[in-house]
Amino acid sequence: MGDWTFFSNYGHVLVCLAKNQDTRLRDVAAEVGITERAVQKIVHDLQQAGFLEVSKHGRRNRYRINRRKALRHGLESHCTVGKLLALILKSSGPKVDATEQDDKVESPPPPAVKPKPKKSSADRPVEPAAPGKPVDTRQQGSLF
């Protein structure tokens, strides 16, 4: 069987932060299986897109997820982050606070310009990883 999952690293990081809003990014990186720097970039991207707020509490950061925000891709934009997290965390962790979850959906703004299609990774030659250096398996993009 292949080594793939239904969620990207963005989704995995979001689930980890939903489980524990006071967690260290180092611990998130270990749980997701990516570098701490990759988690920092994902958190920054999620923060810039309005999915996440970061606040300082003493020497630690606290992460608050905007559960009313709609998912980004057109196929799942009818669903909120809160609904997705409630489904995933239903049996595996803390209950979702009812005050944080609402049926109102913050719709993403319509795209101003249609992006040009990207070249697929199949078009690029595959380079083997250097001995002793891990292969970068980060996924970038939407939550799925």
C-alpha atoms as a PDB file:
ATOM      1  CA  MET A   1       0.000   0.000   0.000  1.00  0.00           C
ATOM      2  CA  GLY A   2       1.123   3.545  -0.679  1.00  0.00           C
ATOM      3  CA  ASP A   3       2.273   6.009   1.936  1.00  0.00           C
ATOM      4  CA  TRP A   4      -0.480   8.632   1.632  1.00  0.00           C
ATOM      5  CA  THR A   5      -3.269  10.151   3.725  1.00  0.00           C
ATOM      6  CA  PHE A   6      -6.509  11.982   2.985  1.00  0.00           C
ATOM      7  CA  PHE A   7      -5.345  15.188   4.694  1.00  0.00           C
ATOM      8  CA  SER A   8      -2.435  17.444   3.892  1.00  0.00           C
ATOM      9  CA  ASN A   9       0.002  18.615   6.538  1.00  0.00           C
ATOM     10  CA  TYR A  10      -2.110  21.772   6.852  1.00  0.00           C
ATOM     11  CA  GLY A  11      -5.037  19.671   8.000  1.00  0.00           C
ATOM     12  CA  HIS A  12      -2.857  17.636  10.339  1.00  0.00           C
ATOM     13  CA  VAL A  13      -1.400  20.770  11.966  1.00  0.00           C
ATOM     14  CA  LEU A  14      -4.880  22.239  12.388  1.00  0.00           C
ATOM     15  CA  VAL A  15      -6.126  19.049  14.069  1.00  0.00           C
ATOM     16  CA  CYS A  16      -3.141  19.048  16.461  1.00  0.00           C
ATOM     17  CA  LEU A  17      -3.766  22.686  17.406  1.00  0.00           C
ATOM     18  CA  ALA A  18      -7.480  21.949  17.900  1.00  0.00           C
ATOM     19  CA  LYS A  19      -6.606  19.130  20.297  1.00  0.00           C
ATOM     20  CA  ASN A  20      -4.365  21.372  22.407  1.00  0.00           C
ATOM     21  CA  GLN A  21      -4.313  25.132  21.887  1.00  0.00           C
ATOM     22  CA  ASP A  22      -1.261  25.514  24.149  1.00  0.00           C
ATOM     23  CA  THR A  23       0.921  22.919  22.436  1.00  0.00           C
ATOM     24  CA  ARG A  24       4.441  23.671  21.285  1.00  0.00           C
ATOM     25  CA  LEU A  25       5.101  23.678  17.546  1.00  0.00           C
ATOM     26  CA  ARG A  26       7.957  21.261  18.206  1.00  0.00           C
ATOM     27  CA  ASP A  27       5.416  18.758  19.541  1.00  0.00           C
ATOM     28  CA  VAL A  28       3.084  19.359  16.583  1.00  0.00           C
ATOM     29  CA  ALA A  29       5.990  18.722  14.202  1.00  0.00           C
ATOM     30  CA  ALA A  30       6.787  15.429  15.932  1.00  0.00           C
ATOM     31  CA  GLU A  31       3.146  14.294  15.829  1.00  0.00           C
ATOM     32  CA  VAL A  32       2.642  15.248  12.161  1.00  0.00           C
ATOM     33  CA  GLY A  33       6.058  13.929  11.106  1.00  0.00           C
ATOM     34  CA  ILE A  34       7.448  17.128   9.558  1.00  0.00           C
ATOM     35  CA  THR A  35      10.045  19.694  10.586  1.00  0.00           C
ATOM     36  CA  GLU A  36       9.358  22.430  13.118  1.00  0.00           C
ATOM     37  CA  ARG A  37      10.123  24.990  10.420  1.00  0.00           C
ATOM     38  CA  ALA A  38       7.464  23.462   8.152  1.00  0.00           C
ATOM     39  CA  VAL A  39       4.933  23.730  11.002  1.00  0.00           C
ATOM     40  CA  GLN A  40       5.919  27.381  11.536  1.00  0.00           C
ATOM     41  CA  LYS A  41       5.240  28.091   7.858  1.00  0.00           C
ATOM     42  CA  ILE A  42       1.890  26.297   7.963  1.00  0.00           C
ATOM     43  CA  VAL A  43       0.863  28.208  11.113  1.00  0.00           C
ATOM     44  CA  HIS A  44       1.885  31.476   9.434  1.00  0.00           C
ATOM     45  CA  ASP A  45      -0.139  30.605   6.309  1.00  0.00           C
ATOM     46  CA  LEU A  46      -3.193  29.627   8.389  1.00  0.00           C
ATOM     47  CA  GLN A  47      -2.860  32.840  10.382  1.00  0.00           C
ATOM     48  CA  GLN A  48      -2.599  34.982   7.225  1.00  0.00           C
ATOM     49  CA  ALA A  49      -5.690  33.275   5.756  1.00  0.00           C
ATOM     50  CA  GLY A  50      -7.732  33.962   8.910  1.00  0.00           C
ATOM     51  CA  PHE A  51      -8.037  30.351  10.060  1.00  0.00           C
ATOM     52  CA  LEU A  52      -5.865  30.830  13.141  1.00  0.00           C
ATOM     53  CA  GLU A  53      -5.069  33.502  15.735  1.00  0.00           C
ATOM     54  CA  VAL A  54      -1.842  33.339  17.716  1.00  0.00           C
ATOM     55  CA  SER A  55      -1.517  35.073  21.080  1.00  0.00           C
ATOM     56  CA  LYS A  56       1.337  35.140  23.551  1.00  0.00           C
ATOM     57  CA  HIS A  57       0.715  33.802  27.077  1.00  0.00           C
ATOM     58  CA  GLY A  58       3.855  34.124  29.156  1.00  0.00           C
ATOM     59  CA  ARG A  59       6.610  32.352  27.286  1.00  0.00           C
ATOM     60  CA  ARG A  60       4.201  30.208  25.270  1.00  0.00           C
ATOM     61  CA  ASN A  61       1.887  30.804  22.343  1.00  0.00           C
ATOM     62  CA  ARG A  62      -1.804  29.979  22.382  1.00  0.00           C
ATOM     63  CA  TYR A  63      -3.561  29.074  19.138  1.00  0.00           C
ATOM     64  CA  ARG A  64      -7.239  29.890  18.568  1.00  0.00           C
ATOM     65  CA  ILE A  65      -8.927  28.400  15.514  1.00  0.00           C
ATOM     66  CA  ASN A  66     -11.594  30.351  13.653  1.00  0.00           C
ATOM     67  CA  ARG A  67     -14.140  27.525  13.479  1.00  0.00           C
ATOM     68  CA  ARG A  68     -16.626  29.615  11.473  1.00  0.00           C
ATOM     69  CA  LYS A  69     -14.289  29.999   8.522  1.00  0.00           C
ATOM     70  CA  ALA A  70     -15.303  28.111   5.377  1.00  0.00           C
ATOM     71  CA  LEU A  71     -12.887  25.618   3.841  1.00  0.00           C
ATOM     72  CA  ARG A  72     -10.988  27.043   0.886  1.00  0.00           C
ATOM     73  CA  HIS A  73     -11.608  24.684  -2.004  1.00  0.00           C
ATOM     74  CA  GLY A  74     -14.844  25.000  -3.960  1.00  0.00           C
ATOM     75  CA  LEU A  75     -15.743  21.346  -3.396  1.00  0.00           C
ATOM     76  CA  GLU A  76     -15.825  21.767   0.385  1.00  0.00           C
ATOM     77  CA  SER A  77     -16.445  25.524   0.789  1.00  0.00           C
ATOM     78  CA  HIS A  78     -19.962  24.777   2.092  1.00  0.00           C
ATOM     79  CA  CYS A  79     -18.341  23.263   5.199  1.00  0.00           C
ATOM     80  CA  THR A  80     -16.710  25.149   8.075  1.00  0.00           C
ATOM     81  CA  VAL A  81     -13.453  24.357   9.837  1.00  0.00           C
ATOM     82  CA  GLY A  82     -15.501  23.762  12.993  1.00  0.00           C
ATOM     83  CA  LYS A  83     -17.609  21.076  11.339  1.00  0.00           C
ATOM     84  CA  LEU A  84     -14.516  19.368   9.966  1.00  0.00           C
ATOM     85  CA  LEU A  85     -12.753  19.418  13.335  1.00  0.00           C
ATOM     86  CA  ALA A  86     -15.878  18.242  15.161  1.00  0.00           C
ATOM     87  CA  LEU A  87     -16.031  15.247  12.847  1.00  0.00           C
ATOM     88  CA  ILE A  88     -12.364  14.365  13.251  1.00  0.00           C
ATOM     89  CA  LEU A  89     -12.102  15.044  16.983  1.00  0.00           C
ATOM     90  CA  LYS A  90     -15.474  13.441  17.791  1.00  0.00           C
ATOM     91  CA  SER A  91     -13.999  10.228  19.140  1.00  0.00           C
ATOM     92  CA  SER A  92     -10.363  11.120  19.648  1.00  0.00           C
ATOM     93  CA  GLY A  93     -10.180  14.116  21.915  1.00  0.00           C
ATOM     94  CA  PRO A  94     -11.735  16.965  23.820  1.00  0.00           C
ATOM     95  CA  LYS A  95     -15.270  18.073  23.084  1.00  0.00           C
ATOM     96  CA  VAL A  96     -15.646  21.117  20.859  1.00  0.00           C
ATOM     97  CA  ASP A  97     -16.896  24.118  22.830  1.00  0.00           C
ATOM     98  CA  ALA A  98     -20.433  24.888  21.657  1.00  0.00           C
ATOM     99  CA  THR A  99     -19.790  28.622  21.926  1.00  0.00           C
ATOM    100  CA  GLU A 100     -16.989  28.368  19.392  1.00  0.00           C
ATOM    101  CA  GLN A 101     -19.091  26.447  16.887  1.00  0.00           C
ATOM    102  CA  ASP A 102     -21.801  28.123  14.883  1.00  0.00           C
ATOM    103  CA  ASP A 103     -23.730  27.360  11.739  1.00  0.00           C
ATOM    104  CA  LYS A 104     -22.803  30.707  10.223  1.00  0.00           C
ATOM    105  CA  VAL A 105     -20.198  30.290   7.526  1.00  0.00           C
ATOM    106  CA  GLU A 106     -17.605  32.907   6.686  1.00  0.00           C
ATOM    107  CA  SER A 107     -17.486  32.463   2.945  1.00  0.00           C
ATOM    108  CA  PRO A 108     -14.122  32.873   1.256  1.00  0.00           C
ATOM    109  CA  PRO A 109     -13.869  35.916  -0.989  1.00  0.00           C
ATOM    110  CA  PRO A 110     -14.306  35.176  -4.681  1.00  0.00           C
ATOM    111  CA  PRO A 111     -11.015  34.824  -6.547  1.00  0.00           C
ATOM    112  CA  ALA A 112     -10.019  38.020  -8.353  1.00  0.00           C
ATOM    113  CA  VAL A 113      -8.137  36.301 -11.150  1.00  0.00           C
ATOM    114  CA  LYS A 114      -8.250  32.696 -12.207  1.00  0.00           C
ATOM    115  CA  PRO A 115      -4.806  31.210 -11.454  1.00  0.00           C
ATOM    116  CA  LYS A 116      -2.791  29.618 -14.216  1.00  0.00           C
ATOM    117  CA  PRO A 117      -2.561  25.833 -14.015  1.00  0.00           C
ATOM    118  CA  LYS A 118       0.519  24.635 -12.217  1.00  0.00           C
ATOM    119  CA  LYS A 119       2.854  22.083 -13.654  1.00  0.00           C
ATOM    120  CA  SER A 120       2.379  18.780 -11.956  1.00  0.00           C
ATOM    121  CA  SER A 121       5.167  17.133 -10.054  1.00  0.00           C
ATOM    122  CA  ALA A 122       5.077  14.367 -12.690  1.00  0.00           C
ATOM    123  CA  ASP A 123       6.556  16.861 -15.185  1.00  0.00           C
ATOM    124  CA  ARG A 124       9.668  17.329 -13.064  1.00  0.00           C
ATOM    125  CA  PRO A 125      12.423  14.726 -12.854  1.00  0.00           C
ATOM    126  CA  VAL A 126      12.625  12.931  -9.524  1.00  0.00           C
ATOM    127  CA  GLU A 127      15.915  13.402  -7.722  1.00  0.00           C
ATOM    128  CA  PRO A 128      16.933  10.809  -5.157  1.00  0.00           C
ATOM    129  CA  ALA A 129      17.523  12.058  -1.619  1.00  0.00           C
ATOM    130  CA  ALA A 130      21.103  12.463  -0.512  1.00  0.00           C
ATOM    131  CA  PRO A 131      22.303   9.673   1.797  1.00  0.00           C
ATOM    132  CA  GLY A 132      21.445  10.503   5.406  1.00  0.00           C
ATOM    133  CA  LYS A 133      19.098  13.346   4.397  1.00  0.00           C
ATOM    134  CA  PRO A 134      15.336  12.755   4.820  1.00  0.00           C
ATOM    135  CA  VAL A 135      13.072  13.207   1.831  1.00  0.00           C
ATOM    136  CA  ASP A 136      10.868  16.312   2.071  1.00  0.00           C
ATOM    137  CA  THR A 137       7.304  14.953   2.063  1.00  0.00           C
ATOM    138  CA  ARG A 138       5.511  18.194   2.996  1.00  0.00           C
ATOM    139  CA  GLN A 139       2.239  18.813   1.269  1.00  0.00           C
ATOM    140  CA  GLN A 140       1.114  22.355   0.671  1.00  0.00           C
ATOM    141  CA  GLY A 141      -2.293  23.706  -0.088  1.00  0.00           C
ATOM    142  CA  SER A 142      -5.775  23.234   1.248  1.00  0.00           C
ATOM    143  CA  LEU A 143      -6.805  21.245   4.293  1.00  0.00           C
ATOM    144  CA  PHE A 144      -7.446  18.145   2.216  1.00  0.00           C
END
